Amino acid sequence: MASAYWDEVRASGLRVPPDRPLDDLTAELTAMLGSTDPGRRDRTAYEVLAGWISRGVYDDLLPGLGDGMAAGLERGLGEVGTDSVFRRSYSALVLTECIERDNRTGALTADRILTWGDRLAGWFLGERDLRGFVPGKGWAHALAHGSDAIGAIADSPHLDLAELTVLLDVLGERVVLPTGMVIEAGEPDRLAAATLRILRRDLVPLELFEPWTQRIAEAATPAYDDENPYPLTLLPQAFLRALHLQLSLGSRRPKDRADQLLVLVDALRLSNPAHLSPRKH
């Protein structure tokens, strides 16, 4: 439909139009999530869908809406540099809104949330198009949107230690995977924020957090040989610094914060051998 139609919807305060079935409106908005026009994708499709989810418009339809977004995660997965990334990335962002809605209402089953979590994890680790801002087309930001989704699932009351440990491993694996490019659009902060949401559940013991951090520290440690090591170590190094900063200064603090900070300090010392030395116990 003409953009003027959706401009009127936005101008009305996101009132649901009475002249068309909700299913038709949703199908159109879902298709627009893959648009290369940031006005249609960000400021119309995502904004309207997120607003309607938050207001409860989809409460009776949330399982189907979320399933549709989960299916969108697979559209063109594995492609790099194509426009298919927008549909995947923004499907993850809308699925995040569905999960956050359930975090507030508790209307969905544990099986549904865990299924969405599995789909998100598979996409997040399989995504190869890691562009942040695409000139002329706006934000792709798959790493950032995926991190937001992982963080939302971490807050779900349906998850216990076993599931939170899986989410932590997914984030750690994503951080150490080679990217093939410089990650420069704030993604380490979003990855760290998702990690902190897991830690704030106060279920992950230090005995699990310490080796998890150690693995990232090893990936963040430059090996000075015949090649420049920094393209490989840049993301894990930036992630460790972002997590240390957020854990240090964040107002909502995990109960094991003091010990977690010591673990991170050791990791930063290990991964910066040219400037720091390991803490002596």
C-alpha atoms as a PDB file:
ATOM      1  CA  MET A   1       0.000   0.000   0.000  1.00  0.00           C
ATOM      2  CA  ALA A   2       1.019   3.623  -0.372  1.00  0.00           C
ATOM      3  CA  SER A   3       3.339   4.939   2.297  1.00  0.00           C
ATOM      4  CA  ALA A   4       0.763   7.625   3.060  1.00  0.00           C
ATOM      5  CA  TYR A   5      -1.452   4.924   4.580  1.00  0.00           C
ATOM      6  CA  TRP A   6       1.201   3.943   7.110  1.00  0.00           C
ATOM      7  CA  ASP A   7       2.140   7.571   7.700  1.00  0.00           C
ATOM      8  CA  GLU A   8      -1.449   8.065   8.855  1.00  0.00           C
ATOM      9  CA  VAL A   9      -1.177   5.041  11.147  1.00  0.00           C
ATOM     10  CA  ARG A  10       1.957   6.440  12.740  1.00  0.00           C
ATOM     11  CA  ALA A  11       0.440   9.919  12.993  1.00  0.00           C
ATOM     12  CA  SER A  12      -2.588   8.434  14.778  1.00  0.00           C
ATOM     13  CA  GLY A  13      -0.411   7.083  17.574  1.00  0.00           C
ATOM     14  CA  LEU A  14      -0.278   3.608  16.019  1.00  0.00           C
ATOM     15  CA  ARG A  15      -4.036   3.073  16.106  1.00  0.00           C
ATOM     16  CA  VAL A  16      -4.959  -0.198  14.387  1.00  0.00           C
ATOM     17  CA  PRO A  17      -6.785   0.713  11.126  1.00  0.00           C
ATOM     18  CA  PRO A  18     -10.356  -0.608  11.100  1.00  0.00           C
ATOM     19  CA  ASP A  19     -10.624  -0.828   7.308  1.00  0.00           C
ATOM     20  CA  ARG A  20      -8.509  -3.966   6.769  1.00  0.00           C
ATOM     21  CA  PRO A  21      -8.092  -7.341   8.521  1.00  0.00           C
ATOM     22  CA  LEU A  22      -5.206  -7.482  10.974  1.00  0.00           C
ATOM     23  CA  ASP A  23      -3.803 -10.507   9.140  1.00  0.00           C
ATOM     24  CA  ASP A  24      -3.461  -8.488   5.947  1.00  0.00           C
ATOM     25  CA  LEU A  25      -1.833  -5.568   7.741  1.00  0.00           C
ATOM     26  CA  THR A  26       0.596  -7.919   9.474  1.00  0.00           C
ATOM     27  CA  ALA A  27       1.553  -9.651   6.230  1.00  0.00           C
ATOM     28  CA  GLU A  28       2.326  -6.304   4.634  1.00  0.00           C
ATOM     29  CA  LEU A  29       4.384  -5.118   7.581  1.00  0.00           C
ATOM     30  CA  THR A  30       6.275  -8.426   7.677  1.00  0.00           C
ATOM     31  CA  ALA A  31       7.212  -8.097   4.014  1.00  0.00           C
ATOM     32  CA  MET A  32       8.408  -4.551   4.691  1.00  0.00           C
ATOM     33  CA  LEU A  33      10.894  -5.849   7.271  1.00  0.00           C
ATOM     34  CA  GLY A  34      13.042  -6.889   4.316  1.00  0.00           C
ATOM     35  CA  SER A  35      12.873  -3.505   2.601  1.00  0.00           C
ATOM     36  CA  THR A  36      16.076  -1.692   1.698  1.00  0.00           C
ATOM     37  CA  ASP A  37      14.309   1.589   2.501  1.00  0.00           C
ATOM     38  CA  PRO A  38      15.026   2.371   6.164  1.00  0.00           C
ATOM     39  CA  GLY A  39      11.886   4.489   6.356  1.00  0.00           C
ATOM     40  CA  ARG A  40       9.700   1.530   5.425  1.00  0.00           C
ATOM     41  CA  ARG A  41      11.708  -1.025   7.398  1.00  0.00           C
ATOM     42  CA  ASP A  42      12.708   0.796  10.616  1.00  0.00           C
ATOM     43  CA  ARG A  43      10.257   3.628  11.005  1.00  0.00           C
ATOM     44  CA  THR A  44       7.201   1.867   9.653  1.00  0.00           C
ATOM     45  CA  ALA A  45       7.334  -1.945   9.753  1.00  0.00           C
ATOM     46  CA  TYR A  46       9.349  -2.383  12.924  1.00  0.00           C
ATOM     47  CA  GLU A  47       7.903   0.604  14.744  1.00  0.00           C
ATOM     48  CA  VAL A  48       4.295  -0.401  14.054  1.00  0.00           C
ATOM     49  CA  LEU A  49       4.782  -4.092  14.824  1.00  0.00           C
ATOM     50  CA  ALA A  50       6.683  -3.339  18.029  1.00  0.00           C
ATOM     51  CA  GLY A  51       4.058  -0.838  19.125  1.00  0.00           C
ATOM     52  CA  TRP A  52       1.174  -3.212  18.499  1.00  0.00           C
ATOM     53  CA  ILE A  53       2.959  -6.074  20.280  1.00  0.00           C
ATOM     54  CA  SER A  54       3.666  -3.881  23.304  1.00  0.00           C
ATOM     55  CA  ARG A  55       0.021  -2.746  23.474  1.00  0.00           C
ATOM     56  CA  GLY A  56      -1.330  -6.277  23.385  1.00  0.00           C
ATOM     57  CA  VAL A  57      -2.823  -6.128  19.892  1.00  0.00           C
ATOM     58  CA  TYR A  58      -1.250  -9.502  19.118  1.00  0.00           C
ATOM     59  CA  ASP A  59      -1.699 -11.177  22.506  1.00  0.00           C
ATOM     60  CA  ASP A  60      -4.063 -13.807  21.085  1.00  0.00           C
ATOM     61  CA  LEU A  61      -1.905 -14.192  17.970  1.00  0.00           C
ATOM     62  CA  LEU A  62       1.555 -13.983  19.526  1.00  0.00           C
ATOM     63  CA  PRO A  63       2.551 -17.643  18.934  1.00  0.00           C
ATOM     64  CA  GLY A  64       1.814 -17.384  15.219  1.00  0.00           C
ATOM     65  CA  LEU A  65       3.462 -13.995  14.874  1.00  0.00           C
ATOM     66  CA  GLY A  66       6.599 -15.218  16.601  1.00  0.00           C
ATOM     67  CA  ASP A  67       6.683 -18.373  14.493  1.00  0.00           C
ATOM     68  CA  GLY A  68       6.529 -16.204  11.387  1.00  0.00           C
ATOM     69  CA  MET A  69       9.438 -14.107  12.594  1.00  0.00           C
ATOM     70  CA  ALA A  70      11.429 -17.248  13.418  1.00  0.00           C
ATOM     71  CA  ALA A  71      10.876 -18.427   9.841  1.00  0.00           C
ATOM     72  CA  GLY A  72      12.202 -15.087   8.617  1.00  0.00           C
ATOM     73  CA  LEU A  73      15.526 -15.817  10.293  1.00  0.00           C
ATOM     74  CA  GLU A  74      16.271 -18.409   7.628  1.00  0.00           C
ATOM     75  CA  ARG A  75      15.634 -16.243   4.555  1.00  0.00           C
ATOM     76  CA  GLY A  76      18.940 -16.238   2.680  1.00  0.00           C
ATOM     77  CA  LEU A  77      20.973 -17.360   5.694  1.00  0.00           C
ATOM     78  CA  GLY A  78      24.618 -17.741   4.670  1.00  0.00           C
ATOM     79  CA  GLU A  79      24.529 -14.938   2.126  1.00  0.00           C
ATOM     80  CA  VAL A  80      26.965 -12.047   2.548  1.00  0.00           C
ATOM     81  CA  GLY A  81      26.521  -8.579   1.101  1.00  0.00           C
ATOM     82  CA  THR A  82      22.978  -9.129  -0.162  1.00  0.00           C
ATOM     83  CA  ASP A  83      19.768  -7.426   0.919  1.00  0.00           C
ATOM     84  CA  SER A  84      18.402 -10.597   2.529  1.00  0.00           C
ATOM     85  CA  VAL A  85      20.133  -9.634   5.775  1.00  0.00           C
ATOM     86  CA  PHE A  86      17.482  -7.027   6.502  1.00  0.00           C
ATOM     87  CA  ARG A  87      14.656  -9.560   6.678  1.00  0.00           C
ATOM     88  CA  ARG A  88      16.667 -11.838   8.965  1.00  0.00           C
ATOM     89  CA  SER A  89      17.915  -9.105  11.247  1.00  0.00           C
ATOM     90  CA  TYR A  90      14.585  -7.334  11.626  1.00  0.00           C
ATOM     91  CA  SER A  91      12.737 -10.613  12.082  1.00  0.00           C
ATOM     92  CA  ALA A  92      15.024 -11.164  15.077  1.00  0.00           C
ATOM     93  CA  LEU A  93      14.194  -7.694  16.368  1.00  0.00           C
ATOM     94  CA  VAL A  94      10.436  -8.263  16.145  1.00  0.00           C
ATOM     95  CA  LEU A  95      10.808 -11.714  17.695  1.00  0.00           C
ATOM     96  CA  THR A  96      12.579  -9.958  20.564  1.00  0.00           C
ATOM     97  CA  GLU A  97       9.448  -7.854  21.067  1.00  0.00           C
ATOM     98  CA  CYS A  98       7.324 -11.020  21.163  1.00  0.00           C
ATOM     99  CA  ILE A  99       9.576 -12.521  23.832  1.00  0.00           C
ATOM    100  CA  GLU A 100       9.617  -9.316  25.871  1.00  0.00           C
ATOM    101  CA  ARG A 101       5.819  -9.258  25.731  1.00  0.00           C
ATOM    102  CA  ASP A 102       5.678 -12.767  27.146  1.00  0.00           C
ATOM    103  CA  ASN A 103       8.181 -11.770  29.828  1.00  0.00           C
ATOM    104  CA  ARG A 104       5.549  -9.265  30.984  1.00  0.00           C
ATOM    105  CA  THR A 105       2.400 -11.343  30.494  1.00  0.00           C
ATOM    106  CA  GLY A 106       3.483 -14.969  30.891  1.00  0.00           C
ATOM    107  CA  ALA A 107       0.961 -16.043  28.279  1.00  0.00           C
ATOM    108  CA  LEU A 108       3.151 -18.381  26.229  1.00  0.00           C
ATOM    109  CA  THR A 109       4.314 -21.894  26.997  1.00  0.00           C
ATOM    110  CA  ALA A 110       7.879 -22.787  27.876  1.00  0.00           C
ATOM    111  CA  ASP A 111       8.067 -24.984  24.770  1.00  0.00           C
ATOM    112  CA  ARG A 112       7.257 -22.025  22.543  1.00  0.00           C
ATOM    113  CA  ILE A 113       9.895 -19.771  24.084  1.00  0.00           C
ATOM    114  CA  LEU A 114      12.536 -22.501  24.031  1.00  0.00           C
ATOM    115  CA  THR A 115      11.753 -23.280  20.386  1.00  0.00           C
ATOM    116  CA  TRP A 116      12.180 -19.629  19.486  1.00  0.00           C
ATOM    117  CA  GLY A 117      15.423 -19.614  21.451  1.00  0.00           C
ATOM    118  CA  ASP A 118      16.741 -22.562  19.459  1.00  0.00           C
ATOM    119  CA  ARG A 119      15.830 -20.874  16.175  1.00  0.00           C
ATOM    120  CA  LEU A 120      17.464 -17.625  17.241  1.00  0.00           C
ATOM    121  CA  ALA A 121      20.646 -19.366  18.399  1.00  0.00           C
ATOM    122  CA  GLY A 122      20.959 -21.262  15.121  1.00  0.00           C
ATOM    123  CA  TRP A 123      20.546 -18.077  13.120  1.00  0.00           C
ATOM    124  CA  PHE A 124      22.830 -16.026  15.374  1.00  0.00           C
ATOM    125  CA  LEU A 125      25.719 -18.468  15.011  1.00  0.00           C
ATOM    126  CA  GLY A 126      25.044 -19.066  11.320  1.00  0.00           C
ATOM    127  CA  GLU A 127      24.721 -15.418  10.274  1.00  0.00           C
ATOM    128  CA  ARG A 128      27.605 -14.367   8.032  1.00  0.00           C
ATOM    129  CA  ASP A 129      26.477 -10.885   6.986  1.00  0.00           C
ATOM    130  CA  LEU A 130      27.740  -8.806   9.902  1.00  0.00           C
ATOM    131  CA  ARG A 131      27.505  -5.355   8.367  1.00  0.00           C
ATOM    132  CA  GLY A 132      26.414  -2.659  10.783  1.00  0.00           C
ATOM    133  CA  PHE A 133      25.296   0.415   8.872  1.00  0.00           C
ATOM    134  CA  VAL A 134      24.815  -0.016   5.115  1.00  0.00           C
ATOM    135  CA  PRO A 135      25.132   3.279   3.221  1.00  0.00           C
ATOM    136  CA  GLY A 136      21.882   4.196   1.518  1.00  0.00           C
ATOM    137  CA  LYS A 137      19.990   1.321   3.163  1.00  0.00           C
ATOM    138  CA  GLY A 138      20.439   1.938   6.883  1.00  0.00           C
ATOM    139  CA  TRP A 139      21.047  -0.493   9.711  1.00  0.00           C
ATOM    140  CA  ALA A 140      21.541  -4.203   9.090  1.00  0.00           C
ATOM    141  CA  HIS A 141      23.049  -4.798  12.546  1.00  0.00           C
ATOM    142  CA  ALA A 142      22.503  -8.558  12.790  1.00  0.00           C
ATOM    143  CA  LEU A 143      24.962  -8.974  15.674  1.00  0.00           C
ATOM    144  CA  ALA A 144      23.295  -6.218  17.669  1.00  0.00           C
ATOM    145  CA  HIS A 145      19.744  -7.407  17.007  1.00  0.00           C
ATOM    146  CA  GLY A 146      20.691 -11.000  17.760  1.00  0.00           C
ATOM    147  CA  SER A 147      22.251  -9.921  21.036  1.00  0.00           C
ATOM    148  CA  ASP A 148      19.058  -8.103  21.987  1.00  0.00           C
ATOM    149  CA  ALA A 149      17.077 -11.262  21.287  1.00  0.00           C
ATOM    150  CA  ILE A 150      19.393 -13.424  23.401  1.00  0.00           C
ATOM    151  CA  GLY A 151      19.075 -10.904  26.227  1.00  0.00           C
ATOM    152  CA  ALA A 152      15.282 -11.000  26.040  1.00  0.00           C
ATOM    153  CA  ILE A 153      15.222 -14.784  26.232  1.00  0.00           C
ATOM    154  CA  ALA A 154      17.600 -14.651  29.204  1.00  0.00           C
ATOM    155  CA  ASP A 155      14.960 -12.725  31.152  1.00  0.00           C
ATOM    156  CA  SER A 156      12.275 -15.321  30.469  1.00  0.00           C
ATOM    157  CA  PRO A 157      11.014 -17.066  33.607  1.00  0.00           C
ATOM    158  CA  HIS A 158      10.820 -20.239  31.515  1.00  0.00           C
ATOM    159  CA  LEU A 159      14.629 -20.509  31.544  1.00  0.00           C
ATOM    160  CA  ASP A 160      16.719 -22.024  34.313  1.00  0.00           C
ATOM    161  CA  LEU A 161      20.448 -22.643  34.720  1.00  0.00           C
ATOM    162  CA  ALA A 162      20.733 -25.217  31.930  1.00  0.00           C
ATOM    163  CA  GLU A 163      19.151 -22.936  29.331  1.00  0.00           C
ATOM    164  CA  LEU A 164      21.028 -19.856  30.541  1.00  0.00           C
ATOM    165  CA  THR A 165      24.292 -21.781  30.229  1.00  0.00           C
ATOM    166  CA  VAL A 166      23.421 -22.560  26.606  1.00  0.00           C
ATOM    167  CA  LEU A 167      22.721 -18.872  25.927  1.00  0.00           C
ATOM    168  CA  LEU A 168      26.038 -17.921  27.509  1.00  0.00           C
ATOM    169  CA  ASP A 169      27.812 -20.447  25.292  1.00  0.00           C
ATOM    170  CA  VAL A 170      26.039 -19.073  22.212  1.00  0.00           C
ATOM    171  CA  LEU A 171      27.226 -15.550  23.017  1.00  0.00           C
ATOM    172  CA  GLY A 172      30.756 -16.765  23.705  1.00  0.00           C
ATOM    173  CA  GLU A 173      30.868 -18.743  20.465  1.00  0.00           C
ATOM    174  CA  ARG A 174      29.630 -15.743  18.487  1.00  0.00           C
ATOM    175  CA  VAL A 175      32.293 -13.518  20.031  1.00  0.00           C
ATOM    176  CA  VAL A 176      35.188 -15.813  19.134  1.00  0.00           C
ATOM    177  CA  LEU A 177      34.008 -16.729  15.625  1.00  0.00           C
ATOM    178  CA  PRO A 178      36.108 -15.019  12.937  1.00  0.00           C
ATOM    179  CA  THR A 179      34.146 -12.163  11.399  1.00  0.00           C
ATOM    180  CA  GLY A 180      36.125 -11.430   8.245  1.00  0.00           C
ATOM    181  CA  MET A 181      35.571  -7.725   8.824  1.00  0.00           C
ATOM    182  CA  VAL A 182      36.009  -4.980  11.395  1.00  0.00           C
ATOM    183  CA  ILE A 183      33.015  -4.839  13.732  1.00  0.00           C
ATOM    184  CA  GLU A 184      32.546  -1.142  14.319  1.00  0.00           C
ATOM    185  CA  ALA A 185      28.880  -0.339  15.004  1.00  0.00           C
ATOM    186  CA  GLY A 186      28.585  -0.790  18.766  1.00  0.00           C
ATOM    187  CA  GLU A 187      28.062  -4.558  18.643  1.00  0.00           C
ATOM    188  CA  PRO A 188      30.446  -5.381  21.550  1.00  0.00           C
ATOM    189  CA  ASP A 189      28.277  -3.274  23.847  1.00  0.00           C
ATOM    190  CA  ARG A 190      25.106  -5.073  22.764  1.00  0.00           C
ATOM    191  CA  LEU A 191      26.785  -8.467  23.195  1.00  0.00           C
ATOM    192  CA  ALA A 192      27.933  -7.416  26.657  1.00  0.00           C
ATOM    193  CA  ALA A 193      24.462  -6.163  27.580  1.00  0.00           C
ATOM    194  CA  ALA A 194      22.986  -9.543  26.660  1.00  0.00           C
ATOM    195  CA  THR A 195      25.621 -11.309  28.753  1.00  0.00           C
ATOM    196  CA  LEU A 196      24.847  -9.076  31.707  1.00  0.00           C
ATOM    197  CA  ARG A 197      21.154  -9.972  31.483  1.00  0.00           C
ATOM    198  CA  ILE A 198      22.171 -13.615  31.891  1.00  0.00           C
ATOM    199  CA  LEU A 199      24.430 -12.846  34.847  1.00  0.00           C
ATOM    200  CA  ARG A 200      21.701 -10.801  36.529  1.00  0.00           C
ATOM    201  CA  ARG A 201      19.568 -13.913  36.814  1.00  0.00           C
ATOM    202  CA  ASP A 202      22.023 -14.933  39.552  1.00  0.00           C
ATOM    203  CA  LEU A 203      21.951 -18.567  38.470  1.00  0.00           C
ATOM    204  CA  VAL A 204      25.244 -18.992  36.586  1.00  0.00           C
ATOM    205  CA  PRO A 205      27.966 -19.976  39.090  1.00  0.00           C
ATOM    206  CA  LEU A 206      31.471 -18.590  38.985  1.00  0.00           C
ATOM    207  CA  GLU A 207      32.718 -22.103  38.174  1.00  0.00           C
ATOM    208  CA  LEU A 208      31.025 -21.774  34.780  1.00  0.00           C
ATOM    209  CA  PHE A 209      31.689 -18.103  34.194  1.00  0.00           C
ATOM    210  CA  GLU A 210      35.445 -18.366  34.720  1.00  0.00           C
ATOM    211  CA  PRO A 211      36.317 -20.913  31.980  1.00  0.00           C
ATOM    212  CA  TRP A 212      33.843 -19.210  29.642  1.00  0.00           C
ATOM    213  CA  THR A 213      35.688 -15.922  30.110  1.00  0.00           C
ATOM    214  CA  GLN A 214      39.054 -17.642  29.800  1.00  0.00           C
ATOM    215  CA  ARG A 215      38.154 -18.952  26.359  1.00  0.00           C
ATOM    216  CA  ILE A 216      37.269 -15.455  25.155  1.00  0.00           C
ATOM    217  CA  ALA A 217      40.466 -14.070  26.691  1.00  0.00           C
ATOM    218  CA  GLU A 218      42.520 -16.585  24.711  1.00  0.00           C
ATOM    219  CA  ALA A 219      40.766 -15.528  21.511  1.00  0.00           C
ATOM    220  CA  ALA A 220      41.423 -11.881  22.414  1.00  0.00           C
ATOM    221  CA  THR A 221      45.161 -12.392  22.962  1.00  0.00           C
ATOM    222  CA  PRO A 222      47.235 -11.304  19.940  1.00  0.00           C
ATOM    223  CA  ALA A 223      49.800 -13.755  18.572  1.00  0.00           C
ATOM    224  CA  TYR A 224      52.673 -11.741  17.165  1.00  0.00           C
ATOM    225  CA  ASP A 225      53.905 -13.651  14.129  1.00  0.00           C
ATOM    226  CA  ASP A 226      54.098 -12.813  10.444  1.00  0.00           C
ATOM    227  CA  GLU A 227      50.522 -11.483  10.205  1.00  0.00           C
ATOM    228  CA  ASN A 228      48.568  -8.696  11.842  1.00  0.00           C
ATOM    229  CA  PRO A 229      46.702 -10.411  14.738  1.00  0.00           C
ATOM    230  CA  TYR A 230      44.295  -7.626  15.510  1.00  0.00           C
ATOM    231  CA  PRO A 231      41.530  -8.351  12.962  1.00  0.00           C
ATOM    232  CA  LEU A 232      41.003 -11.686  14.766  1.00  0.00           C
ATOM    233  CA  THR A 233      41.287 -10.354  18.306  1.00  0.00           C
ATOM    234  CA  LEU A 234      39.429  -7.060  17.923  1.00  0.00           C
ATOM    235  CA  LEU A 235      35.881  -8.282  18.673  1.00  0.00           C
ATOM    236  CA  PRO A 236      36.681 -10.526  21.668  1.00  0.00           C
ATOM    237  CA  GLN A 237      38.922  -7.811  23.106  1.00  0.00           C
ATOM    238  CA  ALA A 238      36.252  -5.138  22.680  1.00  0.00           C
ATOM    239  CA  PHE A 239      33.669  -7.478  24.174  1.00  0.00           C
ATOM    240  CA  LEU A 240      35.722  -8.121  27.320  1.00  0.00           C
ATOM    241  CA  ARG A 241      36.223  -4.397  27.804  1.00  0.00           C
ATOM    242  CA  ALA A 242      32.533  -3.653  27.260  1.00  0.00           C
ATOM    243  CA  LEU A 243      31.452  -6.365  29.702  1.00  0.00           C
ATOM    244  CA  HIS A 244      33.916  -5.114  32.318  1.00  0.00           C
ATOM    245  CA  LEU A 245      32.609  -1.567  31.908  1.00  0.00           C
ATOM    246  CA  GLN A 246      28.935  -2.524  32.137  1.00  0.00           C
ATOM    247  CA  LEU A 247      29.487  -4.864  35.073  1.00  0.00           C
ATOM    248  CA  SER A 248      31.506  -2.187  36.876  1.00  0.00           C
ATOM    249  CA  LEU A 249      29.153   0.742  36.346  1.00  0.00           C
ATOM    250  CA  GLY A 250      25.730  -0.821  35.805  1.00  0.00           C
ATOM    251  CA  SER A 251      23.109  -0.080  38.443  1.00  0.00           C
ATOM    252  CA  ARG A 252      21.584  -3.587  38.444  1.00  0.00           C
ATOM    253  CA  ARG A 253      24.358  -5.766  39.799  1.00  0.00           C
ATOM    254  CA  PRO A 254      24.584  -9.567  39.916  1.00  0.00           C
ATOM    255  CA  LYS A 255      25.143 -11.013  43.377  1.00  0.00           C
ATOM    256  CA  ASP A 256      28.559 -12.391  42.298  1.00  0.00           C
ATOM    257  CA  ARG A 257      29.602  -9.091  40.722  1.00  0.00           C
ATOM    258  CA  ALA A 258      32.808  -8.674  42.766  1.00  0.00           C
ATOM    259  CA  ASP A 259      34.118 -12.127  41.826  1.00  0.00           C
ATOM    260  CA  GLN A 260      32.990 -11.751  38.219  1.00  0.00           C
ATOM    261  CA  LEU A 261      34.925  -8.497  37.973  1.00  0.00           C
ATOM    262  CA  LEU A 262      38.075 -10.210  39.256  1.00  0.00           C
ATOM    263  CA  VAL A 263      37.668 -12.869  36.562  1.00  0.00           C
ATOM    264  CA  LEU A 264      37.303 -10.176  33.900  1.00  0.00           C
ATOM    265  CA  VAL A 265      40.317  -8.267  35.184  1.00  0.00           C
ATOM    266  CA  ASP A 266      42.401 -11.432  34.886  1.00  0.00           C
ATOM    267  CA  ALA A 267      41.071 -11.966  31.364  1.00  0.00           C
ATOM    268  CA  LEU A 268      41.980  -8.424  30.356  1.00  0.00           C
ATOM    269  CA  ARG A 269      45.460  -8.799  31.816  1.00  0.00           C
ATOM    270  CA  LEU A 270      45.956 -12.086  29.980  1.00  0.00           C
ATOM    271  CA  SER A 271      44.786 -10.660  26.659  1.00  0.00           C
ATOM    272  CA  ASN A 272      46.891  -7.510  26.919  1.00  0.00           C
ATOM    273  CA  PRO A 273      50.336  -9.000  27.583  1.00  0.00           C
ATOM    274  CA  ALA A 274      52.196  -6.059  26.100  1.00  0.00           C
ATOM    275  CA  HIS A 275      50.696  -3.675  28.636  1.00  0.00           C
ATOM    276  CA  LEU A 276      49.595  -5.717  31.660  1.00  0.00           C
ATOM    277  CA  SER A 277      50.720  -8.749  33.587  1.00  0.00           C
ATOM    278  CA  PRO A 278      48.538 -11.397  35.223  1.00  0.00           C
ATOM    279  CA  ARG A 279      47.278 -10.632  38.695  1.00  0.00           C
ATOM    280  CA  LYS A 280      49.352 -12.400  41.329  1.00  0.00           C
ATOM    281  CA  HIS A 281      47.265 -14.432  43.766  1.00  0.00           C
END
